Amino acid sequence: MPEGVLGQFYLAAQTQLSRETLYRTLSARGNPTIKTLAAVLKTTGLRISIAPAP
């Protein structure tokens, strides 16, 4: 099994997104919606911060 496949199966199940959606979203040319990005971040325990430029 290629590396990362089990992770994508798990992530798809936990985010209730299809594997195809995740594959497209996480690809180099991906363009995720806020909803998709939020689901992935919540599942992985990550968050995005916005800070003023120096």
Foldseek 3Di string as FASTA:
>chain_A
DDPCPVVLVVLCVQLVHDSVLVCQQPDPNHDDDPSSVVSSCVVVVHDDDDDDDD
